[in-house]
Amino acid sequence: MRTVALLAMALIALVPSLGLSDDTLVRFEGGIGADGVSSAAGTGPVATVVTRNIVRGVQPPAQLWAIAAFRAEVKTDGHITVDGRGLVFAGGDTVGTALVLTPTGGTAGLNVFATLICETVAPFVERNTNPVPLAADGDFTIQDKLSPWPPAACDTPVLLVRNAGNRNWFAAGIRTFHDHD
């Protein structure tokens, strides 16, 4: 009986180290800024065919974006934490900032939200957070719950940071396939 009890205690101690008690669905470390063009073809100096960089049904922005740092974690119950740094225009008149020009020549800020998409073929289900402000320097933090909840398995996830106004994507998370200490 004592041997069984010791074996049970050893297994209980081992379970957390195997990651079985972790309720994390997926993690992202690093980000990719959006480019509105996925590819362009043609033999001359001007492309004759341009393919827009549409990701799982989500339209790209008209201008290039860059992101300096990105980290996100999605839990099985839909809770999501996102920390983005330096999500800024990579071209145009406000390059290096997250500010947009107003019709009167002033500047205005944007709001962003996160979308998790688990499906690899249509129909795609967009699991969204609520919008949060994007600071002028491109920093933002999201602590929310995805709606609708993610499925139990999300083997090929895409996590997008999107414009709350037109819903185009600005950045995508880079999925981590193992834990970092």
N, C-alpha and C. Protein backbone atom coordinates (compact mmCIF):
# COMPACT_ATOMS: atom_id res chain seq x y z
N MET A 1 0.82 -1.20 0.00
CA MET A 1 0.00 0.00 0.00
C MET A 1 0.86 1.25 0.00
N ARG A 2 1.96 1.20 0.78
CA ARG A 2 2.85 2.36 0.85
C ARG A 2 3.48 2.62 -0.51
N THR A 3 3.81 1.58 -1.26
CA THR A 3 4.40 1.73 -2.58
C THR A 3 3.42 2.42 -3.53
N VAL A 4 2.16 2.04 -3.46
CA VAL A 4 1.14 2.65 -4.31
C VAL A 4 0.99 4.13 -3.98
N ALA A 5 1.00 4.47 -2.70
CA ALA A 5 0.88 5.87 -2.28
C ALA A 5 2.07 6.68 -2.77
N LEU A 6 3.27 6.13 -2.65
CA LEU A 6 4.47 6.84 -3.13
C LEU A 6 4.43 7.02 -4.64
N LEU A 7 3.99 6.00 -5.35
CA LEU A 7 3.88 6.09 -6.80
C LEU A 7 2.86 7.16 -7.20
N ALA A 8 1.73 7.20 -6.51
CA ALA A 8 0.71 8.21 -6.79
C ALA A 8 1.24 9.62 -6.55
N MET A 9 1.98 9.82 -5.45
CA MET A 9 2.55 11.14 -5.16
C MET A 9 3.58 11.53 -6.21
N ALA A 10 4.36 10.58 -6.68
CA ALA A 10 5.36 10.86 -7.71
C ALA A 10 4.68 11.28 -9.01
N LEU A 11 3.60 10.60 -9.37
CA LEU A 11 2.87 10.96 -10.59
C LEU A 11 2.24 12.34 -10.48
N ILE A 12 1.68 12.66 -9.33
CA ILE A 12 1.08 13.98 -9.13
C ILE A 12 2.13 15.07 -9.25
N ALA A 13 3.32 14.82 -8.74
CA ALA A 13 4.40 15.79 -8.83
C ALA A 13 4.90 15.92 -10.26
N LEU A 14 4.81 14.84 -11.04
CA LEU A 14 5.32 14.85 -12.41
C LEU A 14 4.37 15.55 -13.38
N VAL A 15 3.08 15.49 -13.15
CA VAL A 15 2.09 16.04 -14.08
C VAL A 15 2.34 17.51 -14.42
N PRO A 16 2.57 18.44 -13.47
CA PRO A 16 2.82 19.82 -13.87
C PRO A 16 4.06 19.97 -14.74
N SER A 17 5.08 19.17 -14.50
CA SER A 17 6.30 19.30 -15.30
C SER A 17 6.08 18.82 -16.72
N LEU A 18 5.07 17.97 -16.94
CA LEU A 18 4.75 17.53 -18.29
C LEU A 18 3.88 18.54 -19.02
N GLY A 19 3.44 19.56 -18.32
CA GLY A 19 2.61 20.58 -18.94
C GLY A 19 1.15 20.18 -19.05
N LEU A 20 0.76 19.08 -18.42
CA LEU A 20 -0.62 18.61 -18.53
C LEU A 20 -1.60 19.49 -17.77
N SER A 21 -1.13 20.21 -16.77
CA SER A 21 -2.03 21.05 -16.00
C SER A 21 -2.15 22.46 -16.59
N ASP A 22 -1.36 22.75 -17.60
CA ASP A 22 -1.38 24.07 -18.21
C ASP A 22 -2.63 24.20 -19.08
N ASP A 23 -3.37 25.27 -18.92
CA ASP A 23 -4.57 25.48 -19.72
C ASP A 23 -4.32 26.40 -20.91
N THR A 24 -3.07 26.50 -21.35
CA THR A 24 -2.73 27.34 -22.50
C THR A 24 -3.07 26.61 -23.80
N LEU A 25 -3.81 27.27 -24.66
CA LEU A 25 -4.16 26.72 -25.97
C LEU A 25 -3.04 26.97 -26.97
N VAL A 26 -2.52 28.21 -26.99
CA VAL A 26 -1.47 28.56 -27.94
C VAL A 26 -0.75 29.81 -27.46
N ARG A 27 0.54 29.91 -27.81
CA ARG A 27 1.35 31.09 -27.49
C ARG A 27 1.98 31.64 -28.77
N PHE A 28 2.22 32.95 -28.73
CA PHE A 28 2.88 33.64 -29.84
C PHE A 28 4.01 34.48 -29.28
N GLU A 29 5.15 34.46 -29.95
CA GLU A 29 6.32 35.23 -29.52
C GLU A 29 6.92 35.85 -30.78
N GLY A 30 6.86 37.16 -30.89
CA GLY A 30 7.33 37.85 -32.08
C GLY A 30 6.16 38.12 -33.01
N GLY A 31 6.34 39.11 -33.87
CA GLY A 31 5.27 39.49 -34.77
C GLY A 31 5.78 39.86 -36.15
N ILE A 32 4.88 39.85 -37.10
CA ILE A 32 5.16 40.19 -38.49
C ILE A 32 4.27 41.36 -38.86
N GLY A 33 4.86 42.47 -39.30
CA GLY A 33 4.09 43.61 -39.75
C GLY A 33 3.44 43.32 -41.09
N ALA A 34 2.29 43.94 -41.32
CA ALA A 34 1.52 43.68 -42.53
C ALA A 34 2.09 44.40 -43.74
N ASP A 35 2.03 43.72 -44.86
CA ASP A 35 2.33 44.26 -46.18
C ASP A 35 1.09 43.97 -47.01
N GLY A 36 0.53 44.99 -47.62
CA GLY A 36 -0.71 44.82 -48.37
C GLY A 36 -0.62 43.93 -49.58
N VAL A 37 0.61 43.68 -50.06
CA VAL A 37 0.81 42.87 -51.26
C VAL A 37 1.50 41.57 -50.86
N SER A 38 0.91 40.45 -51.27
CA SER A 38 1.49 39.14 -51.00
C SER A 38 2.51 38.76 -52.07
N SER A 39 2.18 39.04 -53.32
CA SER A 39 3.09 38.76 -54.42
C SER A 39 2.70 39.61 -55.62
N ALA A 40 3.65 39.77 -56.52
CA ALA A 40 3.40 40.52 -57.75
C ALA A 40 4.16 39.84 -58.88
N ALA A 41 3.51 39.72 -60.03
CA ALA A 41 4.13 39.04 -61.16
C ALA A 41 4.12 39.93 -62.39
N GLY A 42 5.03 39.66 -63.28
CA GLY A 42 5.13 40.39 -64.53
C GLY A 42 6.56 40.41 -65.00
N THR A 43 6.77 40.56 -66.29
CA THR A 43 8.13 40.56 -66.83
C THR A 43 8.69 41.96 -67.00
N GLY A 44 7.85 42.97 -66.98
CA GLY A 44 8.30 44.34 -67.14
C GLY A 44 8.62 44.98 -65.80
N PRO A 45 8.98 46.28 -65.83
CA PRO A 45 9.31 46.97 -64.59
C PRO A 45 8.11 47.22 -63.68
N VAL A 46 6.90 47.05 -64.22
CA VAL A 46 5.69 47.23 -63.43
C VAL A 46 4.95 45.89 -63.38
N ALA A 47 4.54 45.48 -62.20
CA ALA A 47 3.82 44.22 -62.05
C ALA A 47 2.49 44.28 -62.79
N THR A 48 2.16 43.20 -63.48
CA THR A 48 0.89 43.14 -64.19
C THR A 48 -0.18 42.41 -63.39
N VAL A 49 0.24 41.61 -62.42
CA VAL A 49 -0.68 40.90 -61.55
C VAL A 49 -0.22 41.09 -60.11
N VAL A 50 -1.11 41.57 -59.26
CA VAL A 50 -0.78 41.78 -57.85
C VAL A 50 -1.76 40.95 -57.01
N THR A 51 -1.21 40.20 -56.07
CA THR A 51 -2.02 39.42 -55.16
C THR A 51 -2.02 40.10 -53.80
N ARG A 52 -3.20 40.45 -53.32
CA ARG A 52 -3.32 41.10 -52.00
C ARG A 52 -3.00 40.09 -50.91
N ASN A 53 -2.47 40.57 -49.81
CA ASN A 53 -2.05 39.72 -48.69
C ASN A 53 -3.23 39.49 -47.74
N ILE A 54 -4.22 38.75 -48.22
CA ILE A 54 -5.41 38.43 -47.44
C ILE A 54 -5.09 37.19 -46.59
N VAL A 55 -5.30 37.29 -45.29
CA VAL A 55 -5.00 36.19 -44.38
C VAL A 55 -6.31 35.62 -43.84
N ARG A 56 -6.61 34.41 -44.24
CA ARG A 56 -7.82 33.70 -43.80
C ARG A 56 -9.07 34.59 -43.86
N GLY A 57 -9.19 35.28 -44.98
CA GLY A 57 -10.36 36.11 -45.24
C GLY A 57 -10.27 37.53 -44.73
N VAL A 58 -9.20 37.89 -44.02
CA VAL A 58 -9.06 39.23 -43.45
C VAL A 58 -8.19 40.08 -44.40
N GLN A 59 -8.72 41.24 -44.77
CA GLN A 59 -8.05 42.13 -45.72
C GLN A 59 -6.80 42.78 -45.10
N PRO A 60 -5.79 43.04 -45.93
CA PRO A 60 -4.59 43.73 -45.46
C PRO A 60 -4.80 45.25 -45.45
N PRO A 61 -3.89 45.98 -44.82
CA PRO A 61 -3.97 47.44 -44.85
C PRO A 61 -3.45 47.97 -46.18
N ALA A 62 -3.72 49.24 -46.43
CA ALA A 62 -3.22 49.88 -47.64
C ALA A 62 -1.74 50.26 -47.51
N GLN A 63 -1.26 50.44 -46.29
CA GLN A 63 0.12 50.87 -46.03
C GLN A 63 0.87 49.78 -45.27
N LEU A 64 2.19 49.77 -45.41
CA LEU A 64 3.03 48.82 -44.68
C LEU A 64 3.02 49.12 -43.18
N TRP A 65 3.10 48.06 -42.36
CA TRP A 65 3.21 48.18 -40.91
C TRP A 65 4.39 47.35 -40.43
N ALA A 66 4.99 47.76 -39.33
CA ALA A 66 6.07 47.01 -38.68
C ALA A 66 5.73 46.86 -37.21
N ILE A 67 6.27 45.83 -36.57
CA ILE A 67 6.07 45.65 -35.13
C ILE A 67 7.40 45.24 -34.51
N ALA A 68 7.77 45.91 -33.42
CA ALA A 68 9.07 45.68 -32.78
C ALA A 68 9.05 44.45 -31.87
N ALA A 69 7.98 44.25 -31.11
CA ALA A 69 7.90 43.13 -30.18
C ALA A 69 6.45 42.72 -30.00
N PHE A 70 6.24 41.42 -29.86
CA PHE A 70 4.88 40.91 -29.73
C PHE A 70 4.90 39.62 -28.93
N ARG A 71 3.97 39.52 -28.00
CA ARG A 71 3.82 38.31 -27.19
C ARG A 71 2.34 38.14 -26.88
N ALA A 72 1.84 36.91 -27.03
CA ALA A 72 0.43 36.64 -26.73
C ALA A 72 0.27 35.22 -26.23
N GLU A 73 -0.75 35.06 -25.40
CA GLU A 73 -1.09 33.73 -24.88
C GLU A 73 -2.60 33.60 -24.85
N VAL A 74 -3.10 32.49 -25.40
CA VAL A 74 -4.53 32.21 -25.43
C VAL A 74 -4.79 30.98 -24.56
N LYS A 75 -5.72 31.10 -23.64
CA LYS A 75 -6.09 29.99 -22.76
C LYS A 75 -7.27 29.22 -23.36
N THR A 76 -7.45 27.99 -22.90
CA THR A 76 -8.52 27.15 -23.44
C THR A 76 -9.91 27.71 -23.17
N ASP A 77 -10.05 28.56 -22.14
CA ASP A 77 -11.35 29.16 -21.84
C ASP A 77 -11.59 30.48 -22.59
N GLY A 78 -10.67 30.83 -23.51
CA GLY A 78 -10.84 32.03 -24.32
C GLY A 78 -10.14 33.26 -23.79
N HIS A 79 -9.60 33.22 -22.57
CA HIS A 79 -8.85 34.37 -22.06
C HIS A 79 -7.60 34.58 -22.92
N ILE A 80 -7.32 35.83 -23.22
CA ILE A 80 -6.17 36.16 -24.06
C ILE A 80 -5.44 37.35 -23.45
N THR A 81 -4.12 37.27 -23.48
CA THR A 81 -3.26 38.37 -23.08
C THR A 81 -2.34 38.67 -24.25
N VAL A 82 -2.31 39.92 -24.67
CA VAL A 82 -1.48 40.35 -25.79
C VAL A 82 -0.69 41.57 -25.36
N ASP A 83 0.61 41.56 -25.64
CA ASP A 83 1.46 42.72 -25.37
C ASP A 83 2.20 43.05 -26.66
N GLY A 84 1.90 44.20 -27.24
CA GLY A 84 2.54 44.64 -28.47
C GLY A 84 3.33 45.91 -28.25
N ARG A 85 4.50 46.00 -28.86
CA ARG A 85 5.36 47.17 -28.75
C ARG A 85 5.81 47.60 -30.15
N GLY A 86 5.67 48.90 -30.40
CA GLY A 86 6.17 49.45 -31.65
C GLY A 86 5.43 49.02 -32.90
N LEU A 87 4.10 48.93 -32.83
CA LEU A 87 3.29 48.65 -34.02
C LEU A 87 3.07 49.98 -34.72
N VAL A 88 3.87 50.23 -35.76
CA VAL A 88 3.90 51.55 -36.41
C VAL A 88 3.87 51.42 -37.93
N PHE A 89 3.51 52.52 -38.57
CA PHE A 89 3.58 52.59 -40.03
C PHE A 89 5.02 52.38 -40.48
N ALA A 90 5.21 51.57 -41.53
CA ALA A 90 6.54 51.35 -42.11
C ALA A 90 6.68 52.12 -43.43
N GLY A 91 5.82 53.09 -43.65
CA GLY A 91 5.86 53.93 -44.83
C GLY A 91 4.83 55.03 -44.70
N GLY A 92 4.82 55.94 -45.66
CA GLY A 92 3.83 57.01 -45.66
C GLY A 92 4.24 58.21 -44.83
N ASP A 93 3.33 59.18 -44.73
CA ASP A 93 3.64 60.47 -44.09
C ASP A 93 3.80 60.40 -42.59
N THR A 94 3.31 59.35 -41.94
CA THR A 94 3.49 59.22 -40.48
C THR A 94 4.36 58.00 -40.15
N VAL A 95 5.29 57.68 -41.05
CA VAL A 95 6.19 56.54 -40.86
C VAL A 95 6.86 56.60 -39.49
N GLY A 96 6.95 55.45 -38.83
CA GLY A 96 7.58 55.39 -37.52
C GLY A 96 6.67 55.73 -36.36
N THR A 97 5.39 56.01 -36.64
CA THR A 97 4.39 56.28 -35.59
C THR A 97 3.15 55.45 -35.89
N ALA A 98 2.23 55.43 -34.95
CA ALA A 98 0.94 54.77 -35.15
C ALA A 98 -0.16 55.81 -35.35
N LEU A 99 0.22 57.02 -35.71
CA LEU A 99 -0.74 58.11 -35.90
C LEU A 99 -1.23 58.15 -37.34
N VAL A 100 -2.49 58.51 -37.52
CA VAL A 100 -3.04 58.71 -38.86
C VAL A 100 -3.29 60.20 -39.05
N LEU A 101 -3.21 60.64 -40.29
CA LEU A 101 -3.47 62.04 -40.61
C LEU A 101 -4.97 62.26 -40.77
N THR A 102 -5.45 63.36 -40.23
CA THR A 102 -6.86 63.73 -40.38
C THR A 102 -7.00 64.59 -41.63
N PRO A 103 -8.22 64.79 -42.13
CA PRO A 103 -8.43 65.63 -43.31
C PRO A 103 -7.94 67.08 -43.11
N THR A 104 -7.87 67.55 -41.87
CA THR A 104 -7.42 68.92 -41.61
C THR A 104 -5.91 69.02 -41.41
N GLY A 105 -5.21 67.88 -41.53
CA GLY A 105 -3.76 67.90 -41.37
C GLY A 105 -3.28 67.56 -39.98
N GLY A 106 -4.19 67.32 -39.06
CA GLY A 106 -3.81 66.90 -37.71
C GLY A 106 -3.55 65.41 -37.67
N THR A 107 -3.34 64.91 -36.48
CA THR A 107 -3.14 63.47 -36.32
C THR A 107 -4.17 62.90 -35.34
N ALA A 108 -4.42 61.63 -35.48
CA ALA A 108 -5.36 60.94 -34.60
C ALA A 108 -4.83 59.54 -34.33
N GLY A 109 -5.26 58.99 -33.22
CA GLY A 109 -4.86 57.63 -32.85
C GLY A 109 -5.82 56.59 -33.40
N LEU A 110 -5.42 55.35 -33.28
CA LEU A 110 -6.22 54.22 -33.73
C LEU A 110 -6.56 53.31 -32.56
N ASN A 111 -7.53 52.47 -32.75
CA ASN A 111 -7.83 51.38 -31.82
C ASN A 111 -7.59 50.07 -32.55
N VAL A 112 -7.10 49.07 -31.80
CA VAL A 112 -6.83 47.76 -32.38
C VAL A 112 -7.51 46.68 -31.55
N PHE A 113 -7.69 45.52 -32.16
CA PHE A 113 -8.20 44.35 -31.46
C PHE A 113 -7.50 43.12 -32.00
N ALA A 114 -7.59 42.01 -31.28
CA ALA A 114 -6.96 40.77 -31.70
C ALA A 114 -8.01 39.80 -32.21
N THR A 115 -7.62 39.01 -33.21
CA THR A 115 -8.49 37.98 -33.78
C THR A 115 -7.72 36.67 -33.85
N LEU A 116 -8.28 35.61 -33.30
CA LEU A 116 -7.72 34.27 -33.42
C LEU A 116 -8.58 33.50 -34.42
N ILE A 117 -7.92 32.90 -35.42
CA ILE A 117 -8.60 32.07 -36.41
C ILE A 117 -7.94 30.70 -36.39
N CYS A 118 -8.71 29.66 -36.13
CA CYS A 118 -8.17 28.31 -36.04
C CYS A 118 -8.37 27.51 -37.33
N GLU A 119 -9.36 27.87 -38.13
CA GLU A 119 -9.67 27.12 -39.35
C GLU A 119 -8.67 27.46 -40.45
N THR A 120 -8.31 26.44 -41.26
CA THR A 120 -7.38 26.67 -42.37
C THR A 120 -8.10 26.85 -43.70
N VAL A 121 -9.38 26.51 -43.75
CA VAL A 121 -10.19 26.73 -44.95
C VAL A 121 -11.50 27.38 -44.54
N ALA A 122 -12.10 28.09 -45.48
CA ALA A 122 -13.37 28.76 -45.22
C ALA A 122 -14.45 27.72 -44.95
N PRO A 123 -15.42 28.03 -44.12
CA PRO A 123 -15.64 29.32 -43.46
C PRO A 123 -14.74 29.49 -42.23
N PHE A 124 -14.18 30.69 -42.11
CA PHE A 124 -13.30 31.03 -41.00
C PHE A 124 -14.13 31.64 -39.87
N VAL A 125 -13.82 31.27 -38.65
CA VAL A 125 -14.49 31.85 -37.48
C VAL A 125 -13.53 32.84 -36.85
N GLU A 126 -13.93 34.11 -36.80
CA GLU A 126 -13.10 35.16 -36.20
C GLU A 126 -13.45 35.27 -34.72
N ARG A 127 -12.50 34.90 -33.88
CA ARG A 127 -12.67 35.00 -32.43
C ARG A 127 -11.97 36.27 -31.99
N ASN A 128 -12.74 37.29 -31.60
CA ASN A 128 -12.22 38.64 -31.40
C ASN A 128 -12.20 39.08 -29.95
N THR A 129 -11.30 40.05 -29.67
CA THR A 129 -11.31 40.78 -28.41
C THR A 129 -12.04 42.09 -28.63
N ASN A 130 -12.22 42.84 -27.58
CA ASN A 130 -12.71 44.21 -27.69
C ASN A 130 -11.54 45.10 -28.10
N PRO A 131 -11.82 46.26 -28.73
CA PRO A 131 -10.74 47.17 -29.13
C PRO A 131 -10.07 47.84 -27.93
N VAL A 132 -8.78 48.17 -28.13
CA VAL A 132 -8.01 48.94 -27.15
C VAL A 132 -7.27 50.04 -27.90
N PRO A 133 -6.90 51.13 -27.23
CA PRO A 133 -6.16 52.20 -27.89
C PRO A 133 -4.75 51.75 -28.29
N LEU A 134 -4.32 52.21 -29.45
CA LEU A 134 -2.95 52.03 -29.92
C LEU A 134 -2.23 53.34 -29.66
N ALA A 135 -1.21 53.32 -28.80
CA ALA A 135 -0.47 54.54 -28.47
C ALA A 135 0.27 55.07 -29.69
N ALA A 136 0.63 56.33 -29.67
CA ALA A 136 1.34 56.96 -30.79
C ALA A 136 2.64 56.22 -31.13
N ASP A 137 3.28 55.62 -30.10
CA ASP A 137 4.52 54.88 -30.34
C ASP A 137 4.27 53.42 -30.72
N GLY A 138 3.00 53.04 -30.85
CA GLY A 138 2.65 51.70 -31.29
C GLY A 138 2.50 50.66 -30.20
N ASP A 139 2.50 51.08 -28.94
CA ASP A 139 2.36 50.12 -27.84
C ASP A 139 0.88 49.88 -27.53
N PHE A 140 0.55 48.64 -27.16
CA PHE A 140 -0.81 48.29 -26.76
C PHE A 140 -0.78 47.03 -25.90
N THR A 141 -1.80 46.89 -25.08
CA THR A 141 -1.98 45.69 -24.25
C THR A 141 -3.44 45.29 -24.30
N ILE A 142 -3.67 44.00 -24.50
CA ILE A 142 -5.02 43.46 -24.50
C ILE A 142 -5.09 42.37 -23.44
N GLN A 143 -6.06 42.49 -22.55
CA GLN A 143 -6.39 41.44 -21.58
C GLN A 143 -7.90 41.28 -21.65
N ASP A 144 -8.34 40.22 -22.31
CA ASP A 144 -9.76 40.10 -22.62
C ASP A 144 -10.13 38.63 -22.76
N LYS A 145 -11.33 38.39 -23.22
CA LYS A 145 -11.80 37.05 -23.51
C LYS A 145 -12.29 37.03 -24.95
N LEU A 146 -11.84 36.05 -25.72
CA LEU A 146 -12.24 35.95 -27.11
C LEU A 146 -13.72 35.60 -27.22
N SER A 147 -14.36 36.18 -28.23
CA SER A 147 -15.75 35.86 -28.50
C SER A 147 -15.89 35.59 -30.00
N PRO A 148 -16.40 34.41 -30.37
CA PRO A 148 -16.72 33.28 -29.52
C PRO A 148 -15.47 32.59 -28.99
N TRP A 149 -15.67 31.67 -28.06
CA TRP A 149 -14.56 30.92 -27.48
C TRP A 149 -13.85 30.10 -28.55
N PRO A 150 -12.57 29.83 -28.35
CA PRO A 150 -11.85 28.98 -29.30
C PRO A 150 -12.26 27.51 -29.14
N PRO A 151 -12.04 26.70 -30.17
CA PRO A 151 -12.33 25.27 -30.05
C PRO A 151 -11.29 24.60 -29.14
N ALA A 152 -11.57 23.38 -28.74
CA ALA A 152 -10.65 22.64 -27.86
C ALA A 152 -9.30 22.41 -28.54
N ALA A 153 -9.32 22.24 -29.85
CA ALA A 153 -8.07 22.06 -30.61
C ALA A 153 -7.95 23.20 -31.62
N CYS A 154 -6.78 23.80 -31.66
CA CYS A 154 -6.50 24.88 -32.60
C CYS A 154 -5.08 24.64 -33.11
N ASP A 155 -4.96 23.66 -34.03
CA ASP A 155 -3.65 23.17 -34.44
C ASP A 155 -2.88 24.11 -35.36
N THR A 156 -3.57 24.93 -36.13
CA THR A 156 -2.90 25.85 -37.05
C THR A 156 -3.46 27.26 -36.86
N PRO A 157 -3.23 27.85 -35.69
CA PRO A 157 -3.82 29.15 -35.38
C PRO A 157 -3.13 30.31 -36.09
N VAL A 158 -3.91 31.33 -36.37
CA VAL A 158 -3.40 32.62 -36.82
C VAL A 158 -3.94 33.65 -35.85
N LEU A 159 -3.05 34.49 -35.31
CA LEU A 159 -3.47 35.58 -34.43
C LEU A 159 -3.13 36.89 -35.12
N LEU A 160 -4.15 37.68 -35.39
CA LEU A 160 -3.98 38.95 -36.09
C LEU A 160 -4.29 40.12 -35.16
N VAL A 161 -3.54 41.21 -35.31
CA VAL A 161 -3.86 42.49 -34.68
C VAL A 161 -4.50 43.32 -35.78
N ARG A 162 -5.71 43.85 -35.49
CA ARG A 162 -6.50 44.49 -36.54
C ARG A 162 -6.94 45.89 -36.16
N ASN A 163 -7.20 46.67 -37.19
CA ASN A 163 -7.73 48.02 -37.07
C ASN A 163 -9.20 47.93 -36.67
N ALA A 164 -9.57 48.57 -35.57
CA ALA A 164 -10.97 48.52 -35.11
C ALA A 164 -11.89 49.29 -36.06
N GLY A 165 -11.35 50.19 -36.87
CA GLY A 165 -12.17 50.96 -37.80
C GLY A 165 -12.58 50.16 -39.02
N ASN A 166 -11.61 49.78 -39.85
CA ASN A 166 -11.94 49.07 -41.09
C ASN A 166 -11.73 47.56 -41.00
N ARG A 167 -11.21 47.07 -39.87
CA ARG A 167 -11.02 45.65 -39.58
C ARG A 167 -9.90 44.99 -40.38
N ASN A 168 -9.07 45.78 -41.07
CA ASN A 168 -7.91 45.23 -41.76
C ASN A 168 -6.87 44.79 -40.74
N TRP A 169 -5.98 43.86 -41.13
CA TRP A 169 -4.96 43.40 -40.19
C TRP A 169 -3.68 44.22 -40.32
N PHE A 170 -3.04 44.50 -39.18
CA PHE A 170 -1.80 45.28 -39.11
C PHE A 170 -0.59 44.41 -38.83
N ALA A 171 -0.78 43.33 -38.06
CA ALA A 171 0.33 42.46 -37.67
C ALA A 171 -0.20 41.06 -37.37
N ALA A 172 0.70 40.08 -37.47
CA ALA A 172 0.36 38.69 -37.15
C ALA A 172 1.38 38.17 -36.14
N GLY A 173 0.90 37.37 -35.21
CA GLY A 173 1.79 36.76 -34.22
C GLY A 173 2.54 35.58 -34.80
N ILE A 174 3.76 35.35 -34.30
CA ILE A 174 4.55 34.18 -34.68
C ILE A 174 4.33 33.12 -33.61
N ARG A 175 3.79 32.00 -33.99
CA ARG A 175 3.45 30.94 -33.04
C ARG A 175 4.71 30.31 -32.46
N THR A 176 4.66 30.02 -31.16
CA THR A 176 5.73 29.25 -30.52
C THR A 176 5.27 27.80 -30.43
N PHE A 177 6.18 26.89 -30.73
CA PHE A 177 5.85 25.48 -30.71
C PHE A 177 6.41 24.78 -29.48
N HIS A 178 7.09 25.53 -28.62
CA HIS A 178 7.61 24.99 -27.37
C HIS A 178 7.72 26.12 -26.37
N ASP A 179 7.81 25.75 -25.10
CA ASP A 179 7.91 26.75 -24.03
C ASP A 179 9.32 27.26 -23.90
N HIS A 180 9.45 28.55 -23.58
CA HIS A 180 10.74 29.17 -23.28
C HIS A 180 10.77 29.49 -21.80
N ASP A 181 11.91 29.28 -21.17
CA ASP A 181 12.03 29.61 -19.75
C ASP A 181 12.43 31.04 -19.56
